[in-house]
Amino acid sequence: MMARSVSAADRRTVTRSYPGQRGQIRLVRAALALLLDGCPLGADAILIASELAANAVVHSNSAAPGGSFTVRAEVCPGAYVRIEVDDQGGQWAPRGYELDRPHGLDLIDALAGTGNWGIHGDAERGRTAWARLDWPL
């Protein structure tokens, strides 16, 4: 794939921290909807951000009293959209898995593609979950 040139003036970013509560996920979607207005990747990027933010508030220390998570989004028109969510670490609280339905990370893999998403960090320092969507040609 050939790299696309994007000027700094075209790049749009947003970074915002939220209390580690499930009700904040709708605010994440609303903030990103403004940033991604008119973007052909908007719906997929918002779904990915929702899933990553939900993982932070369901599975990490971000859900503890006083906890928080941070969402970063970068839009480079004509090139890509990148979403990142930082949590506050801890052991990811497991949930019962039903084998007949996809889970958040499965959805992210289906939308972004293998190699275009990941999770860095650990239970001690916190994690950053990210995904990159390439702009359609």
Foldseek 3Di string as FASTA:
>chain_A
DDADDFDPVQKDKDKDKDQLDLVCLVVQLVVLCVVCPPAPCSVVVSLLQSQVSVQQSQFACSVPVVRMKMWMWMDGPQFKIKIKIKHAAAGGDDDDDDPPDDHSVVSLCVQQNPPQWDWDDHRHRTIMTMGMHTGDD
